[in-house]
Protein backbone atom coordinates (compact mmCIF):
# COMPACT_ATOMS: atom_id res chain seq x y z
CA UNK A 1 22.25 42.37 -39.88
CA UNK A 2 21.66 39.50 -37.48
CA UNK A 3 20.45 36.17 -38.80
CA UNK A 4 17.47 34.25 -37.53
CA UNK A 5 19.67 31.87 -35.52
CA UNK A 6 21.39 34.77 -33.70
CA UNK A 7 18.02 36.32 -32.94
CA UNK A 8 16.66 33.06 -31.53
CA UNK A 9 19.81 32.64 -29.39
CA UNK A 10 19.44 36.19 -28.09
CA UNK A 11 15.76 35.63 -27.21
CA UNK A 12 16.63 32.37 -25.43
CA UNK A 13 19.42 34.07 -23.43
CA UNK A 14 16.92 36.77 -22.48
CA UNK A 15 14.47 34.09 -21.27
CA UNK A 16 17.18 32.40 -19.23
CA UNK A 17 18.09 35.66 -17.57
CA UNK A 18 14.47 36.36 -16.75
CA UNK A 19 14.04 32.83 -15.34
CA UNK A 20 17.19 33.26 -13.24
CA UNK A 21 15.93 36.55 -11.90
CA UNK A 22 12.61 34.85 -10.94
CA UNK A 23 14.57 32.09 -9.19
CA UNK A 24 16.62 34.66 -7.25
CA UNK A 25 13.45 36.44 -6.22
CA UNK A 26 11.97 33.16 -4.93
CA UNK A 27 15.13 32.43 -2.92
CA UNK A 28 15.07 35.92 -1.39
CA UNK A 29 11.38 35.51 -0.43
CA UNK A 30 12.07 32.28 1.41
CA UNK A 31 15.47 33.24 2.89
CA UNK A 32 15.29 33.30 6.69
CA UNK A 33 12.26 31.04 6.76
CA UNK A 34 13.24 27.75 8.29
CA UNK A 35 10.74 24.89 8.53
CA UNK A 36 9.91 23.95 12.10
CA UNK A 37 11.12 20.37 11.55
CA UNK A 38 14.49 21.49 10.24
CA UNK A 39 17.43 20.89 12.51
CA UNK A 40 18.31 24.52 11.72
CA UNK A 41 15.10 25.74 13.39
CA UNK A 42 15.66 27.86 16.49
CA UNK A 43 12.05 27.58 17.65
CA UNK A 44 11.62 26.10 21.12
CA UNK A 45 11.34 22.33 20.99
CA UNK A 46 10.78 19.92 23.84
CA UNK A 47 12.21 16.52 24.70
CA UNK A 48 9.81 14.28 26.49
CA UNK A 49 9.38 10.71 27.70
CA UNK A 50 6.23 8.72 27.43
CA UNK A 51 5.86 6.51 30.51
CA UNK A 52 3.39 3.86 31.68
CA UNK A 53 1.74 3.30 35.05
CA UNK A 54 4.81 1.61 36.43
CA UNK A 55 7.04 4.53 35.36
CA UNK A 56 8.66 2.49 32.57
CA UNK A 57 9.89 4.62 29.69
CA UNK A 58 8.06 3.66 26.52
CA UNK A 59 9.44 6.37 24.28
CA UNK A 60 11.79 9.30 24.14
CA UNK A 61 10.45 11.93 21.78
CA UNK A 62 10.68 15.50 20.62
CA UNK A 63 7.90 17.90 19.80
CA UNK A 64 6.98 21.56 19.65
CA UNK A 65 3.85 20.66 21.64
CA UNK A 66 4.47 17.47 23.61
CA UNK A 67 1.39 17.84 25.80
CA UNK A 68 -0.83 17.71 22.74
CA UNK A 69 1.24 15.20 20.83
CA UNK A 70 -1.03 12.35 21.95
CA UNK A 71 -4.76 12.49 22.60
CA UNK A 72 -5.86 12.56 26.21
CA UNK A 73 -8.18 9.64 25.40
CA UNK A 74 -5.35 7.48 24.14
CA UNK A 75 -3.13 8.36 27.11
CA UNK A 76 -5.90 7.57 29.59
CA UNK A 77 -6.93 4.30 27.88
CA UNK A 78 -3.33 3.05 28.05
CA UNK A 79 -2.39 4.55 31.41
CA UNK A 80 0.39 6.56 29.82
CA UNK A 81 1.61 10.06 30.61
CA UNK A 82 4.01 12.53 29.03
CA UNK A 83 6.86 14.04 31.03
CA UNK A 84 8.72 16.99 29.57
CA UNK A 85 12.44 16.56 30.26
CA UNK A 86 14.29 19.31 28.27
CA UNK A 87 13.66 22.36 26.15
CA UNK A 88 15.88 23.86 23.49
CA UNK A 89 16.56 24.11 19.79
CA UNK A 90 15.37 21.38 17.40
CA UNK A 91 18.95 20.19 16.92
CA UNK A 92 19.73 20.15 20.65
CA UNK A 93 16.57 18.27 21.57
CA UNK A 94 17.05 15.87 18.65
CA UNK A 95 20.51 15.04 19.97
CA UNK A 96 19.11 14.64 23.53
CA UNK A 97 16.50 12.21 22.24
CA UNK A 98 19.15 10.14 20.43
CA UNK A 99 21.38 10.10 23.47
CA UNK A 100 18.56 8.96 25.72
CA UNK A 101 17.56 6.14 23.39
CA UNK A 102 21.16 4.97 23.01
CA UNK A 103 21.74 5.02 26.81
CA UNK A 104 18.50 3.16 27.41
CA UNK A 105 19.57 0.58 24.80
CA UNK A 106 22.98 0.13 26.38
CA UNK A 107 21.47 -0.43 29.84
CA UNK A 108 18.53 -2.62 28.85
CA UNK A 109 19.77 -4.26 25.65
CA UNK A 110 16.79 -2.90 23.65
CA UNK A 111 15.22 0.35 22.55
CA UNK A 112 12.26 1.75 24.44
CA UNK A 113 9.12 -0.10 23.36
CA UNK A 114 7.66 2.68 21.19
CA UNK A 115 10.89 4.09 19.68
CA UNK A 116 11.29 2.69 16.21
CA UNK A 117 14.90 3.70 15.75
CA UNK A 118 17.82 5.21 17.64
CA UNK A 119 16.74 8.62 16.36
């Protein structure tokens, strides 16, 4: 006959198995779902440049919807416009953005005005 300690251990093992099964079910439910901001996302992403009236690049960016990234009011008030430059995967466009900022920095000695980092 099993003692109380053995029974408690058996119940705890049963709970751990049930918890593990629940965790596996959760992983299966979310498998294949990649967040749109993940570099693993294959959704179309766009690389753009934000430019001023004199065609100076203010920012290199990436967005799923670059034409709605900034309000029309803000763009008009500042005399800015968005030019889409490339389209591709999140990872590819992210690398394009980095390369453009680095190249700009090499040529001008500084990042574009509105880019906060090299990424």
